[in-house]
Protein backbone atom coordinates (compact mmCIF):
# COMPACT_ATOMS: atom_id res chain seq x y z
CA MET A 1 89.41 88.17 94.49
CA GLU A 2 87.16 91.12 93.57
CA PHE A 3 88.80 93.56 96.00
CA GLY A 4 90.96 96.06 94.07
CA LYS A 5 89.85 94.73 90.70
CA THR A 6 90.34 97.14 87.79
CA ASP A 7 90.12 97.01 84.01
CA ARG A 8 93.01 99.45 83.60
CA PHE A 9 95.71 97.40 85.31
CA GLN A 10 98.17 97.94 82.44
CA ASP A 11 98.20 101.72 83.14
CA ILE A 12 99.12 101.44 86.81
CA ASP A 13 102.46 102.33 88.39
CA TYR A 14 103.64 99.09 90.02
CA SER A 15 106.85 100.44 91.49
CA PHE A 16 107.51 99.39 95.07
CA PRO A 17 107.17 101.85 97.95
CA GLU A 18 110.19 102.69 100.05
CA GLU A 19 110.72 100.38 102.97
CA PRO A 20 110.27 101.95 106.40
CA GLU A 21 113.25 102.26 108.72
CA ARG A 22 111.91 99.44 110.92
CA ASN A 23 112.69 96.94 108.14
CA PHE A 24 116.42 97.63 108.13
CA LYS A 25 117.56 95.43 110.96
CA ASN A 26 119.16 92.04 111.32
CA TRP A 27 116.21 89.70 111.79
CA GLY A 28 118.43 86.61 112.04
CA PRO A 29 120.57 84.34 109.83
CA SER A 30 120.04 84.38 106.05
CA ASN A 31 117.83 81.33 105.63
CA LEU A 32 114.63 82.58 103.99
CA LYS A 33 111.94 80.04 103.10
CA VAL A 34 109.28 81.21 100.65
CA TYR A 35 106.10 79.16 100.88
CA VAL A 36 104.00 79.64 97.75
CA GLY A 37 100.29 78.90 97.61
CA ALA A 38 96.89 79.62 96.10
CA PRO A 39 93.44 80.19 97.66
CA VAL A 40 91.98 76.87 96.45
CA PHE A 41 93.15 73.27 96.20
CA ASN A 42 90.15 71.67 94.47
CA HIS A 43 90.18 73.65 91.22
CA SER A 44 90.05 70.98 88.49
CA GLU A 45 92.07 72.93 85.90
CA LEU A 46 94.74 73.78 88.48
CA ILE A 47 95.03 70.14 89.55
CA LYS A 48 95.45 69.00 85.96
CA LYS A 49 98.23 71.54 85.44
CA ILE A 50 100.07 70.06 88.42
CA ASP A 51 99.55 66.42 87.45
CA ARG A 52 97.60 65.32 84.37
CA SER A 53 97.01 61.89 85.85
CA ALA A 54 95.60 63.12 89.19
CA ALA A 55 92.03 62.50 90.28
CA LEU A 56 90.11 65.49 91.64
CA LYS A 57 89.08 63.51 94.74
CA ASN A 58 92.76 63.54 95.74
CA SER A 59 93.10 67.25 95.01
CA LEU A 60 94.76 68.33 98.27
CA GLU A 61 97.43 65.62 97.99
CA THR A 62 98.09 66.66 94.39
CA TYR A 63 98.10 70.36 95.25
CA ALA A 64 100.61 69.76 98.07
CA LYS A 65 103.02 67.95 95.74
CA PHE A 66 103.60 71.31 94.05
CA PHE A 67 102.55 74.17 96.34
CA SER A 68 103.92 74.48 99.86
CA CYS A 69 101.06 76.37 101.52
CA ILE A 70 97.35 77.09 101.11
CA GLU A 71 95.21 80.11 101.90
CA LEU A 72 92.39 78.20 103.55
CA ASN A 73 89.41 80.26 102.44
CA SER A 74 86.83 77.68 103.47
CA SER A 75 87.39 78.59 107.14
CA PHE A 76 86.11 82.09 106.33
CA TYR A 77 82.68 80.64 105.68
CA SER A 78 82.56 77.88 108.28
CA ILE A 79 84.84 76.74 111.09
CA PRO A 80 86.33 73.35 110.20
CA SER A 81 85.61 70.44 112.51
CA PHE A 82 88.45 68.75 114.39
CA ASP A 83 88.04 65.68 112.18
CA GLN A 84 88.29 67.78 109.00
CA THR A 85 91.38 69.58 110.25
CA LYS A 86 93.08 66.30 111.14
CA LYS A 87 92.17 64.85 107.75
CA TRP A 88 93.66 67.80 105.88
CA LYS A 89 96.86 67.57 107.91
CA SER A 90 97.17 63.85 107.17
CA MET A 91 97.00 64.51 103.41
CA VAL A 92 100.04 66.79 103.08
CA PRO A 93 103.81 66.49 103.65
CA GLY A 94 105.39 67.77 106.85
CA HIS A 95 106.78 70.97 105.34
CA PHE A 96 103.36 72.12 104.10
CA LYS A 97 101.75 75.14 105.82
CA PHE A 98 98.09 76.07 106.30
CA CYS A 99 97.23 79.79 106.28
CA CYS A 100 93.72 79.78 107.71
CA LYS A 101 91.36 82.74 107.40
CA PHE A 102 89.36 83.77 110.46
CA PRO A 103 85.64 83.13 110.06
CA LYS A 104 83.51 85.91 108.61
CA VAL A 105 81.24 85.85 111.66
CA VAL A 106 84.18 87.31 113.62
CA SER A 107 85.96 89.58 111.10
CA HIS A 108 82.80 91.15 109.68
CA HIS A 109 80.87 91.46 112.93
CA GLY A 110 81.70 95.11 113.56
CA THR A 111 81.99 96.68 117.00
CA GLY A 112 82.32 94.01 119.64
CA PHE A 113 83.92 91.45 117.30
CA SER A 114 86.53 90.65 119.93
CA LYS A 115 83.85 89.53 122.39
CA LEU A 116 82.76 86.58 120.23
CA ASN A 117 84.69 84.30 122.59
CA THR A 118 82.93 81.05 121.67
CA LYS A 119 83.49 81.44 117.91
CA ILE A 120 87.06 82.66 118.35
CA SER A 121 87.96 79.79 120.69
CA GLU A 122 86.27 77.22 118.43
CA PHE A 123 88.22 78.46 115.42
CA LEU A 124 91.59 78.68 117.20
CA SER A 125 91.11 75.20 118.71
CA ALA A 126 90.63 73.75 115.22
CA VAL A 127 93.61 75.69 113.79
CA ASN A 128 95.79 74.59 116.70
CA LEU A 129 95.52 70.99 115.49
CA PHE A 130 97.76 71.89 112.55
CA GLY A 131 100.58 72.37 115.07
CA ASP A 132 103.87 73.38 113.47
CA GLN A 133 102.16 73.26 110.08
CA ASN A 134 100.37 76.49 110.88
CA GLY A 135 101.54 79.19 108.53
CA SER A 136 100.05 82.60 109.15
CA THR A 137 96.47 82.38 110.34
CA PHE A 138 94.99 85.73 109.35
CA ILE A 139 91.96 87.88 109.93
CA GLN A 140 90.71 89.93 106.98
CA PHE A 141 88.72 93.00 108.01
CA PRO A 142 86.33 94.80 105.62
CA GLU A 143 86.95 98.29 104.23
CA HIS A 144 84.71 100.01 106.79
CA PHE A 145 86.97 98.71 109.59
CA ASP A 146 88.79 101.98 110.32
CA LEU A 147 90.95 103.57 113.03
CA ASN A 148 87.96 103.84 115.35
CA TYR A 149 88.41 100.11 115.91
CA LEU A 150 92.11 100.42 116.83
CA PRO A 151 91.77 100.09 120.64
CA GLU A 152 89.56 97.01 120.31
CA LEU A 153 91.88 95.53 117.66
CA LYS A 154 94.95 95.92 119.88
CA SER A 155 93.11 94.38 122.83
CA PHE A 156 92.01 91.46 120.65
CA ILE A 157 95.55 90.81 119.40
CA LYS A 158 96.95 90.77 122.94
CA ARG A 159 94.51 87.97 123.83
CA LEU A 160 95.55 85.70 120.96
CA PRO A 161 97.69 82.65 121.84
CA SER A 162 101.35 83.15 120.96
CA LYS A 163 101.69 79.56 119.69
CA ILE A 164 99.50 80.36 116.66
CA PRO A 165 101.10 82.95 114.33
CA VAL A 166 98.44 85.52 113.34
CA SER A 167 98.52 88.45 110.93
CA VAL A 168 95.89 91.06 110.11
CA GLU A 169 94.70 92.37 106.75
CA LEU A 170 93.55 95.99 106.95
CA ARG A 171 91.88 97.72 104.04
CA ASP A 172 91.94 101.29 105.35
CA LYS A 173 95.13 103.20 104.45
CA GLU A 174 95.00 105.12 107.77
CA PHE A 175 96.37 101.99 109.48
CA LYS A 176 99.58 102.21 107.46
CA ASN A 177 101.77 103.74 110.17
CA GLU A 178 100.13 101.96 113.11
CA ASP A 179 101.91 99.20 115.00
CA ILE A 180 98.96 97.00 115.96
CA GLY A 181 100.95 94.40 117.88
CA CYS A 182 101.30 91.70 115.21
CA PRO A 183 102.34 91.38 111.55
CA LYS A 184 100.14 92.93 108.87
CA VAL A 185 99.26 91.15 105.64
CA ILE A 186 100.98 92.78 102.65
CA LEU A 187 98.45 93.41 99.87
CA ASP A 188 99.75 93.72 96.30
CA VAL A 189 96.58 94.53 94.34
CA ALA A 190 96.43 96.47 91.07
CA GLY A 191 93.46 98.69 91.92
CA ARG A 192 94.49 99.64 95.48
CA ARG A 193 98.14 100.67 95.33
CA GLU A 194 97.67 103.05 98.28
CA LEU A 195 97.42 99.98 100.53
CA PHE A 196 100.73 98.48 99.37
CA ASP A 197 102.99 98.64 102.43
CA LEU A 198 106.23 96.70 102.89
CA SER A 199 106.45 97.17 106.67
CA LEU A 200 107.78 94.19 108.62
CA TYR A 201 106.71 93.55 112.22
CA SER A 202 108.30 90.12 112.60
CA ASP A 203 110.80 87.85 110.86
CA TRP A 204 107.88 86.37 108.86
CA VAL A 205 105.12 87.89 106.75
CA LEU A 206 102.09 86.92 104.65
CA VAL A 207 101.86 88.43 101.14
CA ARG A 208 98.66 88.29 99.07
CA PHE A 209 99.46 88.96 95.41
CA VAL A 210 96.53 89.49 93.01
CA GLY A 211 97.43 89.01 89.35
CA ASN A 212 95.67 89.84 86.11
CA SER A 213 95.34 86.68 84.00
CA LEU A 214 99.07 86.31 83.32
CA HIS A 215 99.33 89.74 81.73
CA GLU A 216 102.94 90.83 81.28
CA THR A 217 102.54 93.15 84.29
CA ASP A 218 102.05 90.09 86.53
CA PHE A 219 105.58 88.96 85.72
CA GLN A 220 107.03 92.46 85.99
CA ARG A 221 105.54 92.71 89.48
CA LEU A 222 106.96 89.31 90.40
CA ASP A 223 110.39 90.47 89.21
CA ASN A 224 110.12 93.30 91.76
CA TRP A 225 109.16 90.79 94.43
CA VAL A 226 112.13 88.58 93.57
CA GLU A 227 114.49 91.47 94.26
CA GLN A 228 112.64 92.34 97.47
CA LEU A 229 112.73 88.77 98.75
CA LYS A 230 116.45 88.56 98.10
CA LYS A 231 116.96 91.71 100.19
CA TRP A 232 114.87 90.26 103.00
CA ASN A 233 116.88 87.06 102.88
CA GLU A 234 120.07 89.07 103.39
CA ARG A 235 118.51 90.73 106.45
CA GLY A 236 117.44 87.41 107.96
CA VAL A 237 113.70 87.32 107.33
CA SER A 238 112.86 83.66 107.97
CA LYS A 239 109.52 82.93 106.25
CA VAL A 240 107.31 84.52 103.62
CA TYR A 241 103.92 83.01 102.84
CA PHE A 242 103.31 84.16 99.27
CA ILE A 243 99.70 83.61 98.23
CA LEU A 244 98.88 84.00 94.53
CA HIS A 245 95.43 85.02 93.29
CA GLN A 246 94.19 85.05 89.70
CA PRO A 247 90.78 85.51 88.03
CA ASN A 248 91.28 81.90 86.89
CA GLU A 249 93.05 80.27 89.84
CA ALA A 250 94.64 77.67 87.54
CA ASN A 251 97.02 80.43 86.44
CA CYS A 252 98.52 80.52 89.93
CA TYR A 253 100.54 77.50 88.78
CA ASP A 254 102.30 79.53 86.07
CA LEU A 255 103.22 82.33 88.46
CA ALA A 256 104.50 79.83 91.03
CA LEU A 257 106.77 78.23 88.44
CA TYR A 258 108.08 81.68 87.52
CA LEU A 259 108.93 82.44 91.14
CA LYS A 260 110.71 79.11 91.48
CA GLU A 261 112.74 79.79 88.35
CA LYS A 262 113.81 83.21 89.65
CA LEU A 263 114.37 82.38 93.33
CA GLY A 264 115.56 78.77 93.12
CA LYS A 265 116.01 77.06 96.49
CA LEU A 266 114.49 79.96 98.44
CA VAL A 267 111.10 78.67 97.23
CA ILE A 268 109.83 75.55 98.96
CA GLY A 269 108.30 73.16 96.41
CA CYS A 270 106.91 74.39 93.07
CA GLU A 271 108.79 71.72 91.12
CA GLU A 272 107.17 70.43 87.95
CA ILE A 273 105.87 66.88 88.27
CA GLN A 274 107.30 64.72 85.52
CA ALA A 275 104.96 62.27 83.83
CA PRO A 276 106.03 58.64 84.43
CA GLN A 277 107.98 57.12 81.56
CA MET A 278 106.34 54.31 79.62
CA ASP A 279 108.25 51.08 79.28
CA LEU A 280 109.27 50.44 75.70
CA ILE A 281 108.22 47.10 74.23
């Protein structure tokens, strides 16, 4: 992910912002599930890290043996067909979640984006086929999407079907204190710390974490997240979709293993796949 990329990531203050008052409530029983994923499932080096014996043609099945969710970037570029959606769902276990990105033709349309009824309905109809395996479908707006769009954004969110959980990624810091009517994506990106906001608007949230090639600061930042997730578990947050990004996406595997080691059973999946033992002759 190029957004927020910097060459001086080691000089940045990665301390967490204070949580807003709205976060300090009892969201429910302490039963947090952390679904960890990456933005690709067909990266050959990533697949080989998960299972050396896996064939790339079975990449989604292999990916889903380790990760428990996927940021489905392909839907940003083209709306998946019903057949494709059904095929993807058939290839993963029941606990696996799909976090689908709204198509670019909607999110980057500008004024009047909410009136693209045909494209919006076509996309949501495809996503709906995932059923209870929908994670957080999300719409990622560009940086020029500012507070002037707020009335249209709120109207758009009100029209969305409640059965599909949706969150919004906003890249203008002026939105920070605005309640837009649905959860906001939490962005943890080295070069744009002013956008890092821990506000909760539901008992679930989507986090997009952008690392820096397994630099030591990646793990220091994850240590901060481990402590934060433990706090949210105590307050009853139910689900966190934690999407890892790296310049080389194969390195998402290493960060996922680190989270599993630190959080244990709170993380769904992320267990190392053991190579089958050879029979001794």
